[in-house]
Amino acid sequence: MAQDSSVPTFIKGADLSFVPEALSANVIYKYNNELCDPIKLLKQKGGNYIRVRLWHSPTNSHSSFEEVRELSKRIRAAEMNLWLTVHYSDTWADPGHQQIPQAWANLSFQQLKIEMANYTRQIMREIKPDIIQIGNEINSGFLHPHGHLIQQEAQCLDLIKTAITVVNNERRATKVMLHFAGIDGANWFFNKMTGLNFDLIGLSYYPIWHGQNLNLLNQTITQLGQQHQKPVILAETSYPFTLGWNDWTNNVVGLNEHLIPAYPATPQGQKDYMLALKNLISSNIHAKGFCYWGGEWTAFRGPQATNGSSWENQAFWDFSNNALPILDVYED
């Protein structure tokens, strides 16, 4: 029997995965010029979900199982819901990178499926997310080469199905999301997933990569929702409040051509972009919420860092560590 695919609340989320690392570097987050806890501040402003990424065996402790387990406790203590993004990799997973964890590199497909199921079971028993993503931006599948959607479609779908079965068996209340980056190709991808028992359709939308047409985004949400009869969540988005920089790490968004002309790279422009998305989503009966990515990723390694933040000009905090107006978008 399929899970109940309803979502009880309109999701207003933020991915705050960098918070433990930033706090360990003694970063200061401020609201109205006073120190604040970013998780509690999001709750105070009206947010209800914190999204967190999980890596299998990262090179340091950040985004590790242990760090994520402890962060999940802080999220629950703040009376927030936990949305877990399981990358099934030791590092960043996205449309161009779906590298298998090194610990699983030499396994056969059947051995991999067993290890992946055991890992997913441990996640469900020890972290207990409210939403779980099976992979992150899995446009080409995950756990390459075994789970490559183009080259090994049957194996990819088998791996996803196995993970979903584990989730359902362990915690029926947890909602399963499958996550595609962008608009172009989203229909093709979710048509491949029609035989799977998942609950939520997740989309990433960034103007720099996915175009500047919000109407097309709205149309895509409607098409996916109608065809698959599942709620659509904007799982990742962001926007700059400046085209300046605060460390010596190149920023992803740095040119006017990366922007939607109606929304300049100013604090108000950043807020207005998110208000437009929030209004689009709340007025579409097939959409059930949004999540901002990188709001906490300030230049916490310092102004000279060449391995710092490529996102500090899209954060929730300005270069003086004061909260920006964009956080007002979370208010009802």
C-alpha atoms as a PDB file:
ATOM      1  CA  MET A   1       0.000   0.000   0.000  1.00  0.00           C
ATOM      2  CA  ALA A   2       1.330   3.443  -0.883  1.00  0.00           C
ATOM      3  CA  GLN A   3       2.085   5.927   1.823  1.00  0.00           C
ATOM      4  CA  ASP A   4      -0.284   8.802   2.441  1.00  0.00           C
ATOM      5  CA  SER A   5       1.297  11.403   0.158  1.00  0.00           C
ATOM      6  CA  SER A   6      -0.323  14.402   1.822  1.00  0.00           C
ATOM      7  CA  VAL A   7       1.888  17.024   3.425  1.00  0.00           C
ATOM      8  CA  PRO A   8       0.259  18.450   6.562  1.00  0.00           C
ATOM      9  CA  THR A   9       1.831  21.872   6.346  1.00  0.00           C
ATOM     10  CA  PHE A  10       3.123  24.255   3.700  1.00  0.00           C
ATOM     11  CA  ILE A  11       6.870  23.634   3.817  1.00  0.00           C
ATOM     12  CA  LYS A  12       8.998  26.697   4.506  1.00  0.00           C
ATOM     13  CA  GLY A  13      12.494  25.301   4.766  1.00  0.00           C
ATOM     14  CA  ALA A  14      16.160  26.180   4.646  1.00  0.00           C
ATOM     15  CA  ASP A  15      19.188  23.964   4.190  1.00  0.00           C
ATOM     16  CA  LEU A  16      21.442  24.770   7.160  1.00  0.00           C
ATOM     17  CA  SER A  17      23.986  21.981   6.716  1.00  0.00           C
ATOM     18  CA  PHE A  18      26.984  24.295   7.170  1.00  0.00           C
ATOM     19  CA  VAL A  19      25.879  25.453  10.638  1.00  0.00           C
ATOM     20  CA  PRO A  20      28.052  22.993  12.650  1.00  0.00           C
ATOM     21  CA  GLU A  21      31.138  23.807  10.591  1.00  0.00           C
ATOM     22  CA  ALA A  22      30.490  27.543  10.725  1.00  0.00           C
ATOM     23  CA  LEU A  23      29.988  27.512  14.495  1.00  0.00           C
ATOM     24  CA  SER A  24      33.181  25.492  14.941  1.00  0.00           C
ATOM     25  CA  ALA A  25      34.955  28.326  13.104  1.00  0.00           C
ATOM     26  CA  ASN A  26      33.448  30.810  15.606  1.00  0.00           C
ATOM     27  CA  VAL A  27      31.231  32.494  13.046  1.00  0.00           C
ATOM     28  CA  ILE A  28      28.814  35.103  14.362  1.00  0.00           C
ATOM     29  CA  TYR A  29      25.213  35.151  13.153  1.00  0.00           C
ATOM     30  CA  LYS A  30      23.267  38.262  14.191  1.00  0.00           C
ATOM     31  CA  TYR A  31      19.648  39.375  14.107  1.00  0.00           C
ATOM     32  CA  ASN A  32      18.891  43.007  14.928  1.00  0.00           C
ATOM     33  CA  ASN A  33      22.581  43.339  15.884  1.00  0.00           C
ATOM     34  CA  GLU A  34      22.304  40.637  18.557  1.00  0.00           C
ATOM     35  CA  LEU A  35      23.798  37.138  18.464  1.00  0.00           C
ATOM     36  CA  CYS A  36      21.350  34.493  17.309  1.00  0.00           C
ATOM     37  CA  ASP A  37      21.066  30.772  16.741  1.00  0.00           C
ATOM     38  CA  PRO A  38      20.307  30.332  13.006  1.00  0.00           C
ATOM     39  CA  ILE A  39      18.048  27.320  13.618  1.00  0.00           C
ATOM     40  CA  LYS A  40      16.027  29.062  16.303  1.00  0.00           C
ATOM     41  CA  LEU A  41      15.873  32.240  14.221  1.00  0.00           C
ATOM     42  CA  LEU A  42      14.350  30.374  11.287  1.00  0.00           C
ATOM     43  CA  LYS A  43      11.765  28.921  13.651  1.00  0.00           C
ATOM     44  CA  GLN A  44      11.071  32.377  15.080  1.00  0.00           C
ATOM     45  CA  LYS A  45      10.560  33.813  11.598  1.00  0.00           C
ATOM     46  CA  GLY A  46       8.049  31.114  10.667  1.00  0.00           C
ATOM     47  CA  GLY A  47      10.135  28.351   9.074  1.00  0.00           C
ATOM     48  CA  ASN A  48       9.163  24.743   9.783  1.00  0.00           C
ATOM     49  CA  TYR A  49      11.729  22.488   8.057  1.00  0.00           C
ATOM     50  CA  ILE A  50      15.517  22.342   8.260  1.00  0.00           C
ATOM     51  CA  ARG A  51      17.175  20.475   5.392  1.00  0.00           C
ATOM     52  CA  VAL A  52      20.481  18.717   6.098  1.00  0.00           C
ATOM     53  CA  ARG A  53      22.844  16.846   3.783  1.00  0.00           C
ATOM     54  CA  LEU A  54      24.422  13.534   4.759  1.00  0.00           C
ATOM     55  CA  TRP A  55      27.665  12.152   3.308  1.00  0.00           C
ATOM     56  CA  HIS A  56      28.773   8.567   3.841  1.00  0.00           C
ATOM     57  CA  SER A  57      32.484   8.935   4.749  1.00  0.00           C
ATOM     58  CA  PRO A  58      33.603  12.543   4.215  1.00  0.00           C
ATOM     59  CA  THR A  59      37.267  13.546   4.465  1.00  0.00           C
ATOM     60  CA  ASN A  60      36.505  15.387   7.711  1.00  0.00           C
ATOM     61  CA  SER A  61      33.693  15.191  10.237  1.00  0.00           C
ATOM     62  CA  HIS A  62      31.391  17.645   8.465  1.00  0.00           C
ATOM     63  CA  SER A  63      28.182  16.233   7.000  1.00  0.00           C
ATOM     64  CA  SER A  64      29.147  12.885   8.526  1.00  0.00           C
ATOM     65  CA  PHE A  65      26.639  10.527  10.115  1.00  0.00           C
ATOM     66  CA  GLU A  66      27.706  11.565  13.615  1.00  0.00           C
ATOM     67  CA  GLU A  67      27.512  15.305  12.909  1.00  0.00           C
ATOM     68  CA  VAL A  68      24.135  14.990  11.194  1.00  0.00           C
ATOM     69  CA  ARG A  69      22.756  12.874  14.036  1.00  0.00           C
ATOM     70  CA  GLU A  70      23.741  15.550  16.556  1.00  0.00           C
ATOM     71  CA  LEU A  71      22.440  18.353  14.351  1.00  0.00           C
ATOM     72  CA  SER A  72      19.120  16.520  14.047  1.00  0.00           C
ATOM     73  CA  LYS A  73      18.798  16.640  17.835  1.00  0.00           C
ATOM     74  CA  ARG A  74      19.269  20.420  17.795  1.00  0.00           C
ATOM     75  CA  ILE A  75      16.658  20.736  15.056  1.00  0.00           C
ATOM     76  CA  ARG A  76      14.144  18.686  17.015  1.00  0.00           C
ATOM     77  CA  ALA A  77      14.912  20.627  20.201  1.00  0.00           C
ATOM     78  CA  ALA A  78      13.978  23.783  18.285  1.00  0.00           C
ATOM     79  CA  GLU A  79      10.656  22.109  17.388  1.00  0.00           C
ATOM     80  CA  MET A  80      11.509  22.015  13.694  1.00  0.00           C
ATOM     81  CA  ASN A  81      10.985  19.205  11.198  1.00  0.00           C
ATOM     82  CA  LEU A  82      14.003  17.391   9.728  1.00  0.00           C
ATOM     83  CA  TRP A  83      14.427  17.012   5.967  1.00  0.00           C
ATOM     84  CA  LEU A  84      17.400  14.761   5.260  1.00  0.00           C
ATOM     85  CA  THR A  85      19.225  14.715   1.925  1.00  0.00           C
ATOM     86  CA  VAL A  86      21.136  11.431   1.673  1.00  0.00           C
ATOM     87  CA  HIS A  87      23.768  11.919  -1.029  1.00  0.00           C
ATOM     88  CA  TYR A  88      24.885   8.259  -1.020  1.00  0.00           C
ATOM     89  CA  SER A  89      28.382   9.594  -1.635  1.00  0.00           C
ATOM     90  CA  ASP A  90      31.382  10.750   0.386  1.00  0.00           C
ATOM     91  CA  THR A  91      31.061  14.247  -1.097  1.00  0.00           C
ATOM     92  CA  TRP A  92      28.766  16.507  -3.115  1.00  0.00           C
ATOM     93  CA  ALA A  93      26.265  14.689  -5.326  1.00  0.00           C
ATOM     94  CA  ASP A  94      24.587  16.620  -8.146  1.00  0.00           C
ATOM     95  CA  PRO A  95      23.670  16.089 -11.826  1.00  0.00           C
ATOM     96  CA  GLY A  96      27.334  15.910 -12.818  1.00  0.00           C
ATOM     97  CA  HIS A  97      28.673  14.012  -9.805  1.00  0.00           C
ATOM     98  CA  GLN A  98      27.233  10.839  -8.287  1.00  0.00           C
ATOM     99  CA  GLN A  99      30.390   9.186  -6.987  1.00  0.00           C
ATOM    100  CA  ILE A 100      29.901   5.952  -5.078  1.00  0.00           C
ATOM    101  CA  PRO A 101      31.247   5.920  -1.488  1.00  0.00           C
ATOM    102  CA  GLN A 102      34.793   4.622  -1.408  1.00  0.00           C
ATOM    103  CA  ALA A 103      33.763   1.931   1.085  1.00  0.00           C
ATOM    104  CA  TRP A 104      31.421   0.470  -1.547  1.00  0.00           C
ATOM    105  CA  ALA A 105      33.627   0.993  -4.606  1.00  0.00           C
ATOM    106  CA  ASN A 106      34.557  -2.655  -5.195  1.00  0.00           C
ATOM    107  CA  LEU A 107      31.168  -4.233  -4.473  1.00  0.00           C
ATOM    108  CA  SER A 108      29.047  -6.112  -6.967  1.00  0.00           C
ATOM    109  CA  PHE A 109      25.595  -4.726  -7.673  1.00  0.00           C
ATOM    110  CA  GLN A 110      23.919  -7.205  -5.311  1.00  0.00           C
ATOM    111  CA  GLN A 111      26.446  -6.466  -2.563  1.00  0.00           C
ATOM    112  CA  LEU A 112      25.956  -2.729  -3.097  1.00  0.00           C
ATOM    113  CA  LYS A 113      22.202  -3.078  -2.772  1.00  0.00           C
ATOM    114  CA  ILE A 114      22.602  -4.847   0.583  1.00  0.00           C
ATOM    115  CA  GLU A 115      25.053  -2.246   1.939  1.00  0.00           C
ATOM    116  CA  MET A 116      22.880   0.628   0.732  1.00  0.00           C
ATOM    117  CA  ALA A 117      19.824  -0.922   2.388  1.00  0.00           C
ATOM    118  CA  ASN A 118      21.682  -1.421   5.673  1.00  0.00           C
ATOM    119  CA  TYR A 119      22.955   2.166   5.604  1.00  0.00           C
ATOM    120  CA  THR A 120      19.462   3.504   4.907  1.00  0.00           C
ATOM    121  CA  ARG A 121      18.079   1.384   7.756  1.00  0.00           C
ATOM    122  CA  GLN A 122      20.647   2.842  10.153  1.00  0.00           C
ATOM    123  CA  ILE A 123      19.660   6.361   9.060  1.00  0.00           C
ATOM    124  CA  MET A 124      16.012   5.651   9.707  1.00  0.00           C
ATOM    125  CA  ARG A 125      16.621   4.103  13.116  1.00  0.00           C
ATOM    126  CA  GLU A 126      19.101   6.659  14.454  1.00  0.00           C
ATOM    127  CA  ILE A 127      18.159   9.936  12.739  1.00  0.00           C
ATOM    128  CA  LYS A 128      14.453   9.409  11.927  1.00  0.00           C
ATOM    129  CA  PRO A 129      13.909  12.180   9.345  1.00  0.00           C
ATOM    130  CA  ASP A 130      10.475  13.589   8.576  1.00  0.00           C
ATOM    131  CA  ILE A 131      11.388  13.841   4.888  1.00  0.00           C
ATOM    132  CA  ILE A 132      14.148  11.782   3.289  1.00  0.00           C
ATOM    133  CA  GLN A 133      15.606  12.334  -0.146  1.00  0.00           C
ATOM    134  CA  ILE A 134      16.917   9.202  -1.851  1.00  0.00           C
ATOM    135  CA  GLY A 135      19.919  10.885  -3.399  1.00  0.00           C
ATOM    136  CA  ASN A 136      20.499  14.529  -4.270  1.00  0.00           C
ATOM    137  CA  GLU A 137      19.669  15.934  -7.714  1.00  0.00           C
ATOM    138  CA  ILE A 138      19.614  12.448  -9.221  1.00  0.00           C
ATOM    139  CA  ASN A 139      19.010  13.536 -12.836  1.00  0.00           C
ATOM    140  CA  SER A 140      21.395  10.798 -14.011  1.00  0.00           C
ATOM    141  CA  GLY A 141      20.687   8.397 -11.172  1.00  0.00           C
ATOM    142  CA  PHE A 142      23.011   7.847  -8.224  1.00  0.00           C
ATOM    143  CA  LEU A 143      25.711   5.459  -6.976  1.00  0.00           C
ATOM    144  CA  HIS A 144      27.468   5.470 -10.339  1.00  0.00           C
ATOM    145  CA  PRO A 145      28.222   3.322 -12.249  1.00  0.00           C
ATOM    146  CA  HIS A 146      25.782   0.740 -10.830  1.00  0.00           C
ATOM    147  CA  GLY A 147      22.889   3.180 -10.458  1.00  0.00           C
ATOM    148  CA  HIS A 148      23.344   5.251 -13.615  1.00  0.00           C
ATOM    149  CA  LEU A 149      19.865   6.084 -14.891  1.00  0.00           C
ATOM    150  CA  ILE A 150      20.912   6.183 -18.560  1.00  0.00           C
ATOM    151  CA  GLN A 151      23.366   3.294 -18.684  1.00  0.00           C
ATOM    152  CA  GLN A 152      21.833   1.038 -16.000  1.00  0.00           C
ATOM    153  CA  GLU A 153      18.199   2.105 -15.736  1.00  0.00           C
ATOM    154  CA  ALA A 154      16.860  -1.149 -14.259  1.00  0.00           C
ATOM    155  CA  GLN A 155      19.566  -1.204 -11.589  1.00  0.00           C
ATOM    156  CA  CYS A 156      19.028   2.469 -10.760  1.00  0.00           C
ATOM    157  CA  LEU A 157      15.301   1.933 -10.235  1.00  0.00           C
ATOM    158  CA  ASP A 158      15.990  -1.212  -8.226  1.00  0.00           C
ATOM    159  CA  LEU A 159      18.307   0.690  -5.872  1.00  0.00           C
ATOM    160  CA  ILE A 160      15.776   3.494  -5.365  1.00  0.00           C
ATOM    161  CA  LYS A 161      12.980   0.977  -4.794  1.00  0.00           C
ATOM    162  CA  THR A 162      15.124  -0.865  -2.232  1.00  0.00           C
ATOM    163  CA  ALA A 163      15.833   2.345  -0.310  1.00  0.00           C
ATOM    164  CA  ILE A 164      12.149   3.335  -0.344  1.00  0.00           C
ATOM    165  CA  THR A 165      11.143  -0.100   0.956  1.00  0.00           C
ATOM    166  CA  VAL A 166      13.556   0.266   3.880  1.00  0.00           C
ATOM    167  CA  VAL A 167      12.158   3.715   4.710  1.00  0.00           C
ATOM    168  CA  ASN A 168       8.576   2.470   4.598  1.00  0.00           C
ATOM    169  CA  ASN A 169       9.352  -0.544   6.750  1.00  0.00           C
ATOM    170  CA  GLU A 170      11.183   1.495   9.378  1.00  0.00           C
ATOM    171  CA  ARG A 171       9.056   4.654   9.714  1.00  0.00           C
ATOM    172  CA  ARG A 172       5.806   5.030   7.869  1.00  0.00           C
ATOM    173  CA  ALA A 173       5.475   8.681   8.840  1.00  0.00           C
ATOM    174  CA  THR A 174       8.593   9.647   6.886  1.00  0.00           C
ATOM    175  CA  LYS A 175       7.891  11.124   3.447  1.00  0.00           C
ATOM    176  CA  VAL A 176      10.130  10.002   0.563  1.00  0.00           C
ATOM    177  CA  MET A 177      11.265  12.644  -1.933  1.00  0.00           C
ATOM    178  CA  LEU A 178      12.922  12.150  -5.309  1.00  0.00           C
ATOM    179  CA  HIS A 179      14.856  15.209  -6.407  1.00  0.00           C
ATOM    180  CA  PHE A 180      15.565  16.523  -9.913  1.00  0.00           C
ATOM    181  CA  ALA A 181      17.637  19.625 -10.673  1.00  0.00           C
ATOM    182  CA  GLY A 182      15.993  22.026 -13.075  1.00  0.00           C
ATOM    183  CA  ILE A 183      12.992  22.268 -15.375  1.00  0.00           C
ATOM    184  CA  ASP A 184      14.266  20.837 -18.648  1.00  0.00           C
ATOM    185  CA  GLY A 185      14.047  17.056 -18.441  1.00  0.00           C
ATOM    186  CA  ALA A 186      11.919  16.933 -15.296  1.00  0.00           C
ATOM    187  CA  ASN A 187       8.974  15.291 -17.092  1.00  0.00           C
ATOM    188  CA  TRP A 188      11.272  12.677 -18.637  1.00  0.00           C
ATOM    189  CA  PHE A 189      12.829  11.908 -15.256  1.00  0.00           C
ATOM    190  CA  PHE A 190       9.626  11.528 -13.256  1.00  0.00           C
ATOM    191  CA  ASN A 191       8.060   9.426 -16.009  1.00  0.00           C
ATOM    192  CA  LYS A 192      10.905   6.976 -15.336  1.00  0.00           C
ATOM    193  CA  MET A 193       9.930   6.975 -11.634  1.00  0.00           C
ATOM    194  CA  THR A 194       6.219   6.223 -12.045  1.00  0.00           C
ATOM    195  CA  GLY A 195       6.505   2.657 -10.741  1.00  0.00           C
ATOM    196  CA  LEU A 196       8.104   3.730  -7.464  1.00  0.00           C
ATOM    197  CA  ASN A 197       6.280   4.330  -4.176  1.00  0.00           C
ATOM    198  CA  PHE A 198       7.553   7.814  -3.320  1.00  0.00           C
ATOM    199  CA  ASP A 199       5.636  10.758  -1.859  1.00  0.00           C
ATOM    200  CA  LEU A 200       7.134  14.082  -2.931  1.00  0.00           C
ATOM    201  CA  ILE A 201       8.528  15.548  -6.149  1.00  0.00           C
ATOM    202  CA  GLY A 202      11.528  17.778  -5.457  1.00  0.00           C
ATOM    203  CA  LEU A 203      12.881  20.342  -7.941  1.00  0.00           C
ATOM    204  CA  SER A 204      15.894  22.622  -7.847  1.00  0.00           C
ATOM    205  CA  TYR A 205      15.514  26.011  -9.506  1.00  0.00           C
ATOM    206  CA  TYR A 206      18.395  28.455  -9.874  1.00  0.00           C
ATOM    207  CA  PRO A 207      18.129  31.202 -12.526  1.00  0.00           C
ATOM    208  CA  ILE A 208      21.835  30.901 -13.404  1.00  0.00           C
ATOM    209  CA  TRP A 209      21.389  27.261 -14.462  1.00  0.00           C
ATOM    210  CA  HIS A 210      17.692  26.741 -15.082  1.00  0.00           C
ATOM    211  CA  GLY A 211      16.577  29.876 -16.880  1.00  0.00           C
ATOM    212  CA  GLN A 212      14.866  33.084 -15.842  1.00  0.00           C
ATOM    213  CA  ASN A 213      11.267  32.173 -16.685  1.00  0.00           C
ATOM    214  CA  LEU A 214       9.175  31.804 -13.537  1.00  0.00           C
ATOM    215  CA  ASN A 215       6.109  31.078 -15.657  1.00  0.00           C
ATOM    216  CA  LEU A 216       7.864  28.022 -17.085  1.00  0.00           C
ATOM    217  CA  LEU A 217       8.700  26.894 -13.559  1.00  0.00           C
ATOM    218  CA  ASN A 218       5.023  27.249 -12.625  1.00  0.00           C
ATOM    219  CA  GLN A 219       3.931  25.308 -15.711  1.00  0.00           C
ATOM    220  CA  THR A 220       6.392  22.514 -14.923  1.00  0.00           C
ATOM    221  CA  ILE A 221       5.099  22.240 -11.358  1.00  0.00           C
ATOM    222  CA  THR A 222       1.549  22.006 -12.665  1.00  0.00           C
ATOM    223  CA  GLN A 223       2.420  19.366 -15.268  1.00  0.00           C
ATOM    224  CA  LEU A 224       4.301  17.203 -12.775  1.00  0.00           C
ATOM    225  CA  GLY A 225       1.621  17.527 -10.112  1.00  0.00           C
ATOM    226  CA  GLN A 226      -1.199  16.686 -12.490  1.00  0.00           C
ATOM    227  CA  GLN A 227       0.537  13.762 -14.146  1.00  0.00           C
ATOM    228  CA  HIS A 228       1.922  12.085 -11.032  1.00  0.00           C
ATOM    229  CA  GLN A 229      -0.614  13.194  -8.409  1.00  0.00           C
ATOM    230  CA  LYS A 230       2.088  14.054  -5.892  1.00  0.00           C
ATOM    231  CA  PRO A 231       2.951  17.350  -4.178  1.00  0.00           C
ATOM    232  CA  VAL A 232       5.806  19.302  -5.750  1.00  0.00           C
ATOM    233  CA  ILE A 233       8.364  20.999  -3.486  1.00  0.00           C
ATOM    234  CA  LEU A 234      10.928  23.580  -4.604  1.00  0.00           C
ATOM    235  CA  ALA A 235      13.771  21.751  -2.874  1.00  0.00           C
ATOM    236  CA  GLU A 236      16.561  24.219  -3.665  1.00  0.00           C
ATOM    237  CA  THR A 237      16.777  27.825  -4.732  1.00  0.00           C
ATOM    238  CA  SER A 238      18.740  30.962  -3.812  1.00  0.00           C
ATOM    239  CA  TYR A 239      19.420  34.514  -4.963  1.00  0.00           C
ATOM    240  CA  PRO A 240      22.113  37.154  -4.343  1.00  0.00           C
ATOM    241  CA  PHE A 241      21.761  40.295  -2.265  1.00  0.00           C
ATOM    242  CA  THR A 242      24.951  41.666  -3.875  1.00  0.00           C
ATOM    243  CA  LEU A 243      27.384  40.819  -6.650  1.00  0.00           C
ATOM    244  CA  GLY A 244      30.257  41.616  -4.311  1.00  0.00           C
ATOM    245  CA  TRP A 245      32.326  39.120  -2.354  1.00  0.00           C
ATOM    246  CA  ASN A 246      33.627  38.632   1.167  1.00  0.00           C
ATOM    247  CA  ASP A 247      36.470  36.140   0.666  1.00  0.00           C
ATOM    248  CA  TRP A 248      38.888  35.083  -2.075  1.00  0.00           C
ATOM    249  CA  THR A 249      36.784  32.153  -3.244  1.00  0.00           C
ATOM    250  CA  ASN A 250      35.044  32.704  -6.573  1.00  0.00           C
ATOM    251  CA  ASN A 251      31.283  33.059  -6.228  1.00  0.00           C
ATOM    252  CA  VAL A 252      28.881  31.054  -8.365  1.00  0.00           C
ATOM    253  CA  VAL A 253      26.684  34.078  -9.078  1.00  0.00           C
ATOM    254  CA  GLY A 254      28.646  37.222  -9.859  1.00  0.00           C
ATOM    255  CA  LEU A 255      27.330  38.829 -13.037  1.00  0.00           C
ATOM    256  CA  ASN A 256      24.186  40.745 -13.937  1.00  0.00           C
ATOM    257  CA  GLU A 257      23.468  38.214 -16.678  1.00  0.00           C
ATOM    258  CA  HIS A 258      22.993  35.607 -13.927  1.00  0.00           C
ATOM    259  CA  LEU A 259      20.012  37.566 -12.566  1.00  0.00           C
ATOM    260  CA  ILE A 260      16.339  37.878 -13.425  1.00  0.00           C
ATOM    261  CA  PRO A 261      16.124  41.552 -14.522  1.00  0.00           C
ATOM    262  CA  ALA A 262      13.128  42.275 -12.281  1.00  0.00           C
ATOM    263  CA  TYR A 263      15.175  41.302  -9.216  1.00  0.00           C
ATOM    264  CA  PRO A 264      18.469  43.175  -8.813  1.00  0.00           C
ATOM    265  CA  ALA A 265      21.232  41.871  -6.568  1.00  0.00           C
ATOM    266  CA  THR A 266      20.235  43.950  -3.547  1.00  0.00           C
ATOM    267  CA  PRO A 267      18.800  42.968  -0.169  1.00  0.00           C
ATOM    268  CA  GLN A 268      15.344  44.003  -1.389  1.00  0.00           C
ATOM    269  CA  GLY A 269      15.834  42.274  -4.739  1.00  0.00           C
ATOM    270  CA  GLN A 270      16.779  39.055  -2.975  1.00  0.00           C
ATOM    271  CA  LYS A 271      13.692  39.270  -0.778  1.00  0.00           C
ATOM    272  CA  ASP A 272      11.424  40.126  -3.714  1.00  0.00           C
ATOM    273  CA  TYR A 273      12.693  37.111  -5.684  1.00  0.00           C
ATOM    274  CA  MET A 274      11.821  34.783  -2.814  1.00  0.00           C
ATOM    275  CA  LEU A 275       8.451  36.470  -2.287  1.00  0.00           C
ATOM    276  CA  ALA A 276       7.674  35.902  -5.969  1.00  0.00           C
ATOM    277  CA  LEU A 277       8.567  32.215  -5.635  1.00  0.00           C
ATOM    278  CA  LYS A 278       6.606  31.858  -2.403  1.00  0.00           C
ATOM    279  CA  ASN A 279       3.553  33.449  -4.017  1.00  0.00           C
ATOM    280  CA  LEU A 280       3.921  31.259  -7.110  1.00  0.00           C
ATOM    281  CA  ILE A 281       4.131  28.104  -5.009  1.00  0.00           C
ATOM    282  CA  SER A 282       1.353  29.010  -2.581  1.00  0.00           C
ATOM    283  CA  SER A 283      -1.029  29.783  -5.461  1.00  0.00           C
ATOM    284  CA  ASN A 284      -0.322  26.519  -7.313  1.00  0.00           C
ATOM    285  CA  ILE A 285      -2.471  23.678  -5.959  1.00  0.00           C
ATOM    286  CA  HIS A 286       0.208  21.148  -6.924  1.00  0.00           C
ATOM    287  CA  ALA A 287       3.008  22.863  -4.963  1.00  0.00           C
ATOM    288  CA  LYS A 288       3.499  22.425  -1.218  1.00  0.00           C
ATOM    289  CA  GLY A 289       6.488  24.511  -0.243  1.00  0.00           C
ATOM    290  CA  PHE A 290      10.043  25.678  -0.767  1.00  0.00           C
ATOM    291  CA  CYS A 291      13.526  25.375   0.677  1.00  0.00           C
ATOM    292  CA  TYR A 292      16.352  27.914   0.418  1.00  0.00           C
ATOM    293  CA  TRP A 293      19.857  26.585  -0.107  1.00  0.00           C
ATOM    294  CA  GLY A 294      23.056  28.101   1.306  1.00  0.00           C
ATOM    295  CA  GLY A 295      21.508  30.740   3.538  1.00  0.00           C
ATOM    296  CA  GLU A 296      24.012  29.938   6.288  1.00  0.00           C
ATOM    297  CA  TRP A 297      27.063  29.691   3.991  1.00  0.00           C
ATOM    298  CA  THR A 298      28.731  32.960   4.868  1.00  0.00           C
ATOM    299  CA  ALA A 299      32.460  33.539   4.409  1.00  0.00           C
ATOM    300  CA  PHE A 300      33.140  31.932   7.783  1.00  0.00           C
ATOM    301  CA  ARG A 301      36.675  30.806   6.904  1.00  0.00           C
ATOM    302  CA  GLY A 302      37.781  34.427   6.739  1.00  0.00           C
ATOM    303  CA  PRO A 303      38.323  37.108   4.081  1.00  0.00           C
ATOM    304  CA  GLN A 304      41.578  35.577   2.776  1.00  0.00           C
ATOM    305  CA  ALA A 305      40.175  32.095   2.261  1.00  0.00           C
ATOM    306  CA  THR A 306      40.586  30.615  -1.199  1.00  0.00           C
ATOM    307  CA  ASN A 307      38.614  27.553  -0.069  1.00  0.00           C
ATOM    308  CA  GLY A 308      35.830  29.554   1.544  1.00  0.00           C
ATOM    309  CA  SER A 309      32.270  30.237   0.441  1.00  0.00           C
ATOM    310  CA  SER A 310      31.197  30.470  -3.189  1.00  0.00           C
ATOM    311  CA  TRP A 311      27.774  31.500  -1.900  1.00  0.00           C
ATOM    312  CA  GLU A 312      28.295  34.261   0.682  1.00  0.00           C
ATOM    313  CA  ASN A 313      26.564  36.818  -1.559  1.00  0.00           C
ATOM    314  CA  GLN A 314      23.434  34.603  -1.545  1.00  0.00           C
ATOM    315  CA  ALA A 315      23.321  34.013   2.214  1.00  0.00           C
ATOM    316  CA  PHE A 316      20.729  35.118   4.762  1.00  0.00           C
ATOM    317  CA  TRP A 317      23.382  37.262   6.474  1.00  0.00           C
ATOM    318  CA  ASP A 318      25.252  40.231   5.012  1.00  0.00           C
ATOM    319  CA  PHE A 319      29.011  40.767   5.118  1.00  0.00           C
ATOM    320  CA  SER A 320      28.689  42.207   8.641  1.00  0.00           C
ATOM    321  CA  ASN A 321      26.866  39.033   9.738  1.00  0.00           C
ATOM    322  CA  ASN A 322      23.535  40.822  10.164  1.00  0.00           C
ATOM    323  CA  ALA A 323      20.350  39.022   9.078  1.00  0.00           C
ATOM    324  CA  LEU A 324      18.901  40.247   5.789  1.00  0.00           C
ATOM    325  CA  PRO A 325      15.262  41.108   4.942  1.00  0.00           C
ATOM    326  CA  ILE A 326      14.849  37.817   3.037  1.00  0.00           C
ATOM    327  CA  LEU A 327      14.094  36.064   6.329  1.00  0.00           C
ATOM    328  CA  ASP A 328      10.794  37.965   6.470  1.00  0.00           C
ATOM    329  CA  VAL A 329       9.620  35.703   3.604  1.00  0.00           C
ATOM    330  CA  TYR A 330       9.175  32.909   6.160  1.00  0.00           C
ATOM    331  CA  GLU A 331       6.490  34.838   7.998  1.00  0.00           C
ATOM    332  CA  ASP A 332       2.896  33.853   7.299  1.00  0.00           C
END
